[in-house]
Amino acid sequence: MTALRIRPNNDFIHTANWKEIYMLTKHWQSDVEFFAYEIKFLLNLTNKYFIWLTDDQNIETVARVQKDLKQLSKEQKELVDNLKTHLNHITALLENAFIYDEHTFKDEHIALENKLTDFTKTFKEVKKQVFTCTEEVLNSENHSI
């Protein structure tokens, strides 16, 4: 997953039809749902290391990473809820174009895209922390994990 800004051009939200916006949002939903699996895996990974740690600094580092992962999990669940609501709005607009204010909906869409972009950036940073932390723990602990 490279960048979530999958718009063909910067004016996409203003020129796309509802079906195109729906398809883009479904793609986002799929990505966000997959994040849950990755976060769960990374939490399980850090939990398995945590029980074997002896160095206080490693314990603190892993605890901090786990805290960040739990926060990401919370944000991921909020994004899932936001995307479901957004998809419901799009579906309603597909059925009746006058049910929602178009400009309000498009502002909502842009805000959601920005949230998703920020989440993805944070996720990548935390994932990198997990990898770095895992490598450091493996190199510094005396016993085999």
N, C-alpha and C. Protein backbone atom coordinates (compact mmCIF):
# COMPACT_ATOMS: atom_id res chain seq x y z
N MET A 1 0.85 -1.16 0.00
CA MET A 1 0.00 0.00 0.00
C MET A 1 0.90 1.22 0.00
N THR A 2 0.88 1.97 -1.05
CA THR A 2 1.76 3.13 -1.13
C THR A 2 1.07 4.36 -0.59
N ALA A 3 0.26 4.98 -1.38
CA ALA A 3 -0.41 6.19 -0.94
C ALA A 3 -1.91 6.02 -1.11
N LEU A 4 -2.65 6.58 -0.19
CA LEU A 4 -4.10 6.45 -0.27
C LEU A 4 -4.72 7.53 -1.14
N ARG A 5 -3.96 8.49 -1.54
CA ARG A 5 -4.48 9.54 -2.40
C ARG A 5 -4.52 8.99 -3.82
N ILE A 6 -5.61 8.26 -4.12
CA ILE A 6 -5.72 7.54 -5.37
C ILE A 6 -6.51 8.33 -6.40
N ARG A 7 -6.68 9.58 -6.17
CA ARG A 7 -7.43 10.39 -7.11
C ARG A 7 -6.67 10.53 -8.41
N PRO A 8 -7.37 10.41 -9.53
CA PRO A 8 -6.71 10.61 -10.82
C PRO A 8 -6.16 12.03 -10.97
N ASN A 9 -6.79 12.98 -10.33
CA ASN A 9 -6.29 14.36 -10.34
C ASN A 9 -6.80 15.05 -9.08
N ASN A 10 -6.30 16.23 -8.81
CA ASN A 10 -6.68 16.94 -7.58
C ASN A 10 -8.14 17.36 -7.56
N ASP A 11 -8.79 17.35 -8.70
CA ASP A 11 -10.17 17.79 -8.79
C ASP A 11 -11.15 16.61 -8.77
N PHE A 12 -10.65 15.42 -8.45
CA PHE A 12 -11.45 14.20 -8.52
C PHE A 12 -12.77 14.32 -7.76
N ILE A 13 -12.72 14.77 -6.53
CA ILE A 13 -13.93 14.82 -5.70
C ILE A 13 -14.99 15.72 -6.32
N HIS A 14 -14.58 16.69 -7.11
CA HIS A 14 -15.54 17.61 -7.72
C HIS A 14 -16.01 17.16 -9.10
N THR A 15 -15.29 16.23 -9.70
CA THR A 15 -15.66 15.78 -11.05
C THR A 15 -16.16 14.34 -11.09
N ALA A 16 -15.87 13.56 -10.06
CA ALA A 16 -16.25 12.15 -10.06
C ALA A 16 -17.76 12.00 -9.84
N ASN A 17 -18.30 10.91 -10.38
CA ASN A 17 -19.70 10.63 -10.10
C ASN A 17 -19.79 9.81 -8.81
N TRP A 18 -21.01 9.62 -8.32
CA TRP A 18 -21.21 8.95 -7.03
C TRP A 18 -20.68 7.52 -7.04
N LYS A 19 -20.82 6.85 -8.17
CA LYS A 19 -20.35 5.46 -8.27
C LYS A 19 -18.82 5.40 -8.13
N GLU A 20 -18.12 6.34 -8.74
CA GLU A 20 -16.65 6.37 -8.63
C GLU A 20 -16.22 6.66 -7.19
N ILE A 21 -16.92 7.56 -6.54
CA ILE A 21 -16.61 7.88 -5.15
C ILE A 21 -16.91 6.67 -4.26
N TYR A 22 -18.00 5.98 -4.56
CA TYR A 22 -18.36 4.76 -3.83
C TYR A 22 -17.25 3.72 -3.96
N MET A 23 -16.77 3.49 -5.17
CA MET A 23 -15.72 2.48 -5.41
C MET A 23 -14.42 2.86 -4.69
N LEU A 24 -14.07 4.12 -4.70
CA LEU A 24 -12.88 4.58 -3.99
C LEU A 24 -13.03 4.34 -2.49
N THR A 25 -14.19 4.65 -1.96
CA THR A 25 -14.44 4.47 -0.53
C THR A 25 -14.43 2.99 -0.15
N LYS A 26 -14.96 2.13 -1.01
CA LYS A 26 -14.90 0.68 -0.76
C LYS A 26 -13.44 0.21 -0.71
N HIS A 27 -12.61 0.77 -1.57
CA HIS A 27 -11.18 0.44 -1.56
C HIS A 27 -10.56 0.86 -0.22
N TRP A 28 -10.89 2.05 0.24
CA TRP A 28 -10.39 2.51 1.53
C TRP A 28 -10.85 1.57 2.64
N GLN A 29 -12.12 1.18 2.58
CA GLN A 29 -12.67 0.29 3.60
C GLN A 29 -11.89 -1.02 3.65
N SER A 30 -11.60 -1.58 2.52
CA SER A 30 -10.82 -2.82 2.45
C SER A 30 -9.44 -2.63 3.08
N ASP A 31 -8.79 -1.53 2.76
CA ASP A 31 -7.47 -1.26 3.34
C ASP A 31 -7.54 -1.13 4.85
N VAL A 32 -8.52 -0.39 5.33
CA VAL A 32 -8.65 -0.15 6.77
C VAL A 32 -8.98 -1.44 7.51
N GLU A 33 -9.81 -2.29 6.92
CA GLU A 33 -10.12 -3.57 7.54
C GLU A 33 -8.88 -4.46 7.61
N PHE A 34 -8.02 -4.39 6.60
CA PHE A 34 -6.78 -5.17 6.61
C PHE A 34 -5.83 -4.68 7.69
N PHE A 35 -5.83 -3.37 7.95
CA PHE A 35 -4.99 -2.84 9.02
C PHE A 35 -5.26 -3.54 10.34
N ALA A 36 -6.50 -3.92 10.60
CA ALA A 36 -6.84 -4.59 11.85
C ALA A 36 -6.05 -5.89 12.00
N TYR A 37 -5.91 -6.64 10.92
CA TYR A 37 -5.13 -7.88 10.96
C TYR A 37 -3.66 -7.60 11.24
N GLU A 38 -3.14 -6.59 10.60
CA GLU A 38 -1.73 -6.25 10.82
C GLU A 38 -1.49 -5.78 12.25
N ILE A 39 -2.37 -4.95 12.76
CA ILE A 39 -2.21 -4.46 14.14
C ILE A 39 -2.29 -5.62 15.12
N LYS A 40 -3.24 -6.52 14.91
CA LYS A 40 -3.38 -7.69 15.79
C LYS A 40 -2.10 -8.53 15.76
N PHE A 41 -1.56 -8.76 14.56
CA PHE A 41 -0.33 -9.53 14.43
C PHE A 41 0.83 -8.86 15.18
N LEU A 42 0.97 -7.55 15.00
CA LEU A 42 2.06 -6.83 15.65
C LEU A 42 1.90 -6.82 17.17
N LEU A 43 0.68 -6.72 17.65
CA LEU A 43 0.44 -6.81 19.10
C LEU A 43 0.81 -8.19 19.62
N ASN A 44 0.40 -9.23 18.90
CA ASN A 44 0.76 -10.59 19.31
C ASN A 44 2.27 -10.79 19.31
N LEU A 45 2.92 -10.26 18.31
CA LEU A 45 4.38 -10.36 18.21
C LEU A 45 5.05 -9.70 19.41
N THR A 46 4.64 -8.49 19.73
CA THR A 46 5.26 -7.79 20.87
C THR A 46 4.90 -8.46 22.19
N ASN A 47 3.70 -9.02 22.30
CA ASN A 47 3.33 -9.74 23.52
C ASN A 47 4.22 -10.95 23.75
N LYS A 48 4.53 -11.66 22.69
CA LYS A 48 5.38 -12.85 22.81
C LYS A 48 6.79 -12.47 23.25
N TYR A 49 7.30 -11.34 22.77
CA TYR A 49 8.63 -10.89 23.20
C TYR A 49 8.61 -10.38 24.63
N PHE A 50 7.53 -9.73 24.99
CA PHE A 50 7.45 -9.05 26.28
C PHE A 50 7.71 -10.00 27.45
N ILE A 51 7.17 -11.21 27.38
CA ILE A 51 7.30 -12.14 28.51
C ILE A 51 8.73 -12.63 28.73
N TRP A 52 9.57 -12.51 27.71
CA TRP A 52 10.95 -12.99 27.81
C TRP A 52 11.96 -11.89 28.14
N LEU A 53 11.52 -10.67 28.19
CA LEU A 53 12.45 -9.56 28.35
C LEU A 53 13.00 -9.48 29.77
N THR A 54 14.28 -9.14 29.85
CA THR A 54 14.93 -8.96 31.16
C THR A 54 15.48 -7.54 31.31
N ASP A 55 15.85 -6.91 30.24
CA ASP A 55 16.42 -5.56 30.27
C ASP A 55 15.30 -4.54 30.45
N ASP A 56 15.43 -3.69 31.47
CA ASP A 56 14.38 -2.69 31.77
C ASP A 56 14.11 -1.75 30.60
N GLN A 57 15.16 -1.36 29.90
CA GLN A 57 14.97 -0.45 28.76
C GLN A 57 14.17 -1.14 27.66
N ASN A 58 14.44 -2.41 27.41
CA ASN A 58 13.67 -3.15 26.41
C ASN A 58 12.21 -3.28 26.82
N ILE A 59 11.99 -3.51 28.11
CA ILE A 59 10.62 -3.63 28.62
C ILE A 59 9.86 -2.32 28.38
N GLU A 60 10.52 -1.20 28.68
CA GLU A 60 9.89 0.11 28.47
C GLU A 60 9.61 0.37 26.99
N THR A 61 10.57 0.01 26.15
CA THR A 61 10.41 0.23 24.71
C THR A 61 9.25 -0.58 24.16
N VAL A 62 9.18 -1.85 24.52
CA VAL A 62 8.09 -2.71 24.03
C VAL A 62 6.75 -2.22 24.58
N ALA A 63 6.72 -1.81 25.84
CA ALA A 63 5.47 -1.30 26.43
C ALA A 63 4.99 -0.06 25.68
N ARG A 64 5.92 0.81 25.31
CA ARG A 64 5.56 2.03 24.57
C ARG A 64 5.01 1.69 23.18
N VAL A 65 5.66 0.73 22.52
CA VAL A 65 5.20 0.31 21.20
C VAL A 65 3.82 -0.34 21.30
N GLN A 66 3.60 -1.15 22.33
CA GLN A 66 2.28 -1.77 22.51
C GLN A 66 1.21 -0.71 22.75
N LYS A 67 1.54 0.32 23.51
CA LYS A 67 0.59 1.41 23.75
C LYS A 67 0.23 2.09 22.43
N ASP A 68 1.24 2.34 21.59
CA ASP A 68 0.99 2.95 20.28
C ASP A 68 0.12 2.05 19.40
N LEU A 69 0.37 0.74 19.45
CA LEU A 69 -0.43 -0.21 18.66
C LEU A 69 -1.88 -0.23 19.14
N LYS A 70 -2.08 -0.17 20.44
CA LYS A 70 -3.45 -0.17 20.98
C LYS A 70 -4.19 1.11 20.57
N GLN A 71 -3.47 2.23 20.55
CA GLN A 71 -4.07 3.48 20.09
C GLN A 71 -4.43 3.39 18.61
N LEU A 72 -3.54 2.79 17.82
CA LEU A 72 -3.82 2.59 16.39
C LEU A 72 -5.05 1.72 16.20
N SER A 73 -5.17 0.69 17.01
CA SER A 73 -6.32 -0.21 16.92
C SER A 73 -7.62 0.57 17.17
N LYS A 74 -7.59 1.43 18.16
CA LYS A 74 -8.76 2.27 18.46
C LYS A 74 -9.09 3.18 17.27
N GLU A 75 -8.07 3.82 16.72
CA GLU A 75 -8.28 4.71 15.57
C GLU A 75 -8.76 3.94 14.36
N GLN A 76 -8.26 2.73 14.18
CA GLN A 76 -8.68 1.89 13.05
C GLN A 76 -10.17 1.58 13.16
N LYS A 77 -10.62 1.25 14.36
CA LYS A 77 -12.04 0.94 14.56
C LYS A 77 -12.91 2.17 14.29
N GLU A 78 -12.43 3.34 14.69
CA GLU A 78 -13.16 4.58 14.41
C GLU A 78 -13.25 4.83 12.91
N LEU A 79 -12.16 4.56 12.20
CA LEU A 79 -12.17 4.73 10.74
C LEU A 79 -13.15 3.77 10.09
N VAL A 80 -13.21 2.54 10.58
CA VAL A 80 -14.17 1.56 10.04
C VAL A 80 -15.59 2.12 10.20
N ASP A 81 -15.90 2.63 11.38
CA ASP A 81 -17.23 3.21 11.61
C ASP A 81 -17.49 4.41 10.70
N ASN A 82 -16.49 5.28 10.58
CA ASN A 82 -16.64 6.46 9.71
C ASN A 82 -16.86 6.05 8.26
N LEU A 83 -16.13 5.03 7.81
CA LEU A 83 -16.29 4.57 6.43
C LEU A 83 -17.66 3.94 6.20
N LYS A 84 -18.16 3.19 7.18
CA LYS A 84 -19.51 2.61 7.04
C LYS A 84 -20.55 3.71 6.91
N THR A 85 -20.43 4.71 7.75
CA THR A 85 -21.37 5.85 7.68
C THR A 85 -21.26 6.54 6.33
N HIS A 86 -20.04 6.76 5.88
CA HIS A 86 -19.81 7.42 4.60
C HIS A 86 -20.39 6.60 3.45
N LEU A 87 -20.20 5.29 3.49
CA LEU A 87 -20.77 4.43 2.45
C LEU A 87 -22.29 4.47 2.47
N ASN A 88 -22.87 4.54 3.66
CA ASN A 88 -24.33 4.68 3.76
C ASN A 88 -24.80 5.99 3.12
N HIS A 89 -24.04 7.05 3.33
CA HIS A 89 -24.39 8.34 2.71
C HIS A 89 -24.29 8.26 1.19
N ILE A 90 -23.23 7.60 0.70
CA ILE A 90 -23.09 7.46 -0.76
C ILE A 90 -24.23 6.64 -1.33
N THR A 91 -24.56 5.54 -0.65
CA THR A 91 -25.66 4.69 -1.11
C THR A 91 -26.96 5.49 -1.17
N ALA A 92 -27.20 6.29 -0.14
CA ALA A 92 -28.40 7.12 -0.13
C ALA A 92 -28.37 8.13 -1.29
N LEU A 93 -27.21 8.69 -1.56
CA LEU A 93 -27.08 9.63 -2.68
C LEU A 93 -27.28 8.94 -4.02
N LEU A 94 -26.84 7.70 -4.14
CA LEU A 94 -27.05 6.95 -5.38
C LEU A 94 -28.55 6.70 -5.62
N GLU A 95 -29.27 6.50 -4.51
CA GLU A 95 -30.71 6.24 -4.62
C GLU A 95 -31.51 7.52 -4.80
N ASN A 96 -31.04 8.61 -4.17
CA ASN A 96 -31.75 9.88 -4.24
C ASN A 96 -30.72 11.01 -4.13
N ALA A 97 -30.38 11.60 -5.22
CA ALA A 97 -29.31 12.61 -5.27
C ALA A 97 -29.61 13.85 -4.43
N PHE A 98 -30.86 14.00 -3.98
CA PHE A 98 -31.22 15.20 -3.24
C PHE A 98 -31.32 14.97 -1.74
N ILE A 99 -30.93 13.78 -1.27
CA ILE A 99 -31.08 13.44 0.14
C ILE A 99 -30.05 14.14 1.03
N TYR A 100 -28.86 14.40 0.50
CA TYR A 100 -27.81 15.10 1.24
C TYR A 100 -27.32 16.28 0.41
N ASP A 101 -26.80 17.26 1.12
CA ASP A 101 -26.17 18.39 0.44
C ASP A 101 -24.85 17.91 -0.16
N GLU A 102 -24.70 18.10 -1.45
CA GLU A 102 -23.53 17.60 -2.17
C GLU A 102 -22.23 18.19 -1.63
N HIS A 103 -22.20 19.47 -1.34
CA HIS A 103 -20.98 20.12 -0.86
C HIS A 103 -20.61 19.61 0.54
N THR A 104 -21.60 19.43 1.39
CA THR A 104 -21.34 18.89 2.73
C THR A 104 -20.78 17.48 2.62
N PHE A 105 -21.37 16.68 1.75
CA PHE A 105 -20.89 15.31 1.56
C PHE A 105 -19.45 15.30 1.05
N LYS A 106 -19.15 16.14 0.09
CA LYS A 106 -17.79 16.17 -0.47
C LYS A 106 -16.77 16.66 0.57
N ASP A 107 -17.18 17.60 1.41
CA ASP A 107 -16.30 18.03 2.51
C ASP A 107 -16.05 16.87 3.47
N GLU A 108 -17.10 16.10 3.75
CA GLU A 108 -16.97 14.91 4.60
C GLU A 108 -16.00 13.91 3.96
N HIS A 109 -16.10 13.74 2.67
CA HIS A 109 -15.24 12.80 1.95
C HIS A 109 -13.77 13.24 2.04
N ILE A 110 -13.53 14.51 1.83
CA ILE A 110 -12.16 15.03 1.90
C ILE A 110 -11.61 14.87 3.32
N ALA A 111 -12.42 15.18 4.33
CA ALA A 111 -11.98 15.03 5.72
C ALA A 111 -11.65 13.57 6.03
N LEU A 112 -12.47 12.66 5.53
CA LEU A 112 -12.24 11.24 5.75
C LEU A 112 -10.95 10.80 5.07
N GLU A 113 -10.73 11.28 3.86
CA GLU A 113 -9.49 10.95 3.16
C GLU A 113 -8.27 11.45 3.94
N ASN A 114 -8.37 12.65 4.49
CA ASN A 114 -7.26 13.19 5.27
C ASN A 114 -7.01 12.37 6.53
N LYS A 115 -8.08 11.94 7.21
CA LYS A 115 -7.94 11.07 8.38
C LYS A 115 -7.24 9.77 8.00
N LEU A 116 -7.66 9.21 6.90
CA LEU A 116 -7.09 7.95 6.42
C LEU A 116 -5.61 8.11 6.07
N THR A 117 -5.28 9.20 5.44
CA THR A 117 -3.88 9.47 5.10
C THR A 117 -3.04 9.62 6.36
N ASP A 118 -3.55 10.36 7.34
CA ASP A 118 -2.83 10.53 8.61
C ASP A 118 -2.67 9.19 9.33
N PHE A 119 -3.74 8.40 9.35
CA PHE A 119 -3.69 7.09 10.00
C PHE A 119 -2.63 6.21 9.35
N THR A 120 -2.62 6.19 8.03
CA THR A 120 -1.66 5.36 7.30
C THR A 120 -0.23 5.78 7.61
N LYS A 121 0.00 7.06 7.66
CA LYS A 121 1.34 7.56 7.98
C LYS A 121 1.74 7.12 9.39
N THR A 122 0.85 7.29 10.35
CA THR A 122 1.13 6.89 11.73
C THR A 122 1.34 5.38 11.81
N PHE A 123 0.50 4.62 11.11
CA PHE A 123 0.63 3.16 11.12
C PHE A 123 2.02 2.74 10.63
N LYS A 124 2.47 3.33 9.55
CA LYS A 124 3.79 2.98 9.01
C LYS A 124 4.89 3.32 10.00
N GLU A 125 4.76 4.44 10.70
CA GLU A 125 5.76 4.83 11.70
C GLU A 125 5.79 3.83 12.85
N VAL A 126 4.62 3.43 13.34
CA VAL A 126 4.55 2.48 14.45
C VAL A 126 5.05 1.11 14.01
N LYS A 127 4.70 0.71 12.81
CA LYS A 127 5.16 -0.58 12.29
C LYS A 127 6.69 -0.59 12.21
N LYS A 128 7.25 0.51 11.78
CA LYS A 128 8.71 0.62 11.73
C LYS A 128 9.29 0.53 13.14
N GLN A 129 8.63 1.15 14.11
CA GLN A 129 9.06 1.06 15.51
C GLN A 129 9.07 -0.40 15.98
N VAL A 130 8.03 -1.14 15.61
CA VAL A 130 7.96 -2.55 16.01
C VAL A 130 9.14 -3.31 15.42
N PHE A 131 9.42 -3.09 14.16
CA PHE A 131 10.54 -3.80 13.52
C PHE A 131 11.87 -3.43 14.18
N THR A 132 12.07 -2.14 14.41
CA THR A 132 13.31 -1.67 15.04
C THR A 132 13.43 -2.23 16.45
N CYS A 133 12.34 -2.15 17.19
CA CYS A 133 12.31 -2.65 18.57
C CYS A 133 12.62 -4.15 18.60
N THR A 134 12.00 -4.90 17.72
CA THR A 134 12.21 -6.35 17.66
C THR A 134 13.67 -6.66 17.37
N GLU A 135 14.23 -5.95 16.43
CA GLU A 135 15.64 -6.17 16.09
C GLU A 135 16.55 -5.84 17.27
N GLU A 136 16.28 -4.72 17.93
CA GLU A 136 17.10 -4.32 19.09
C GLU A 136 16.98 -5.32 20.22
N VAL A 137 15.77 -5.78 20.48
CA VAL A 137 15.56 -6.76 21.56
C VAL A 137 16.29 -8.05 21.24
N LEU A 138 16.18 -8.52 20.03
CA LEU A 138 16.86 -9.75 19.64
C LEU A 138 18.38 -9.62 19.78
N ASN A 139 18.90 -8.46 19.48
CA ASN A 139 20.34 -8.25 19.57
C ASN A 139 20.84 -8.03 20.99
N SER A 140 19.99 -7.50 21.86
CA SER A 140 20.47 -7.12 23.20
C SER A 140 20.17 -8.14 24.30
N GLU A 141 19.13 -8.91 24.14
CA GLU A 141 18.80 -9.89 25.18
C GLU A 141 19.75 -11.08 25.08
N ASN A 142 20.14 -11.61 26.22
CA ASN A 142 21.12 -12.69 26.27
C ASN A 142 20.57 -14.04 25.86
N HIS A 143 19.31 -14.26 26.06
CA HIS A 143 18.74 -15.57 25.77
C HIS A 143 18.03 -15.58 24.43
N SER A 144 17.71 -16.76 23.98
CA SER A 144 16.97 -16.89 22.72
C SER A 144 15.52 -16.60 22.97
N ILE A 145 14.95 -15.85 22.08
CA ILE A 145 13.51 -15.58 22.18
C ILE A 145 12.84 -16.38 21.11
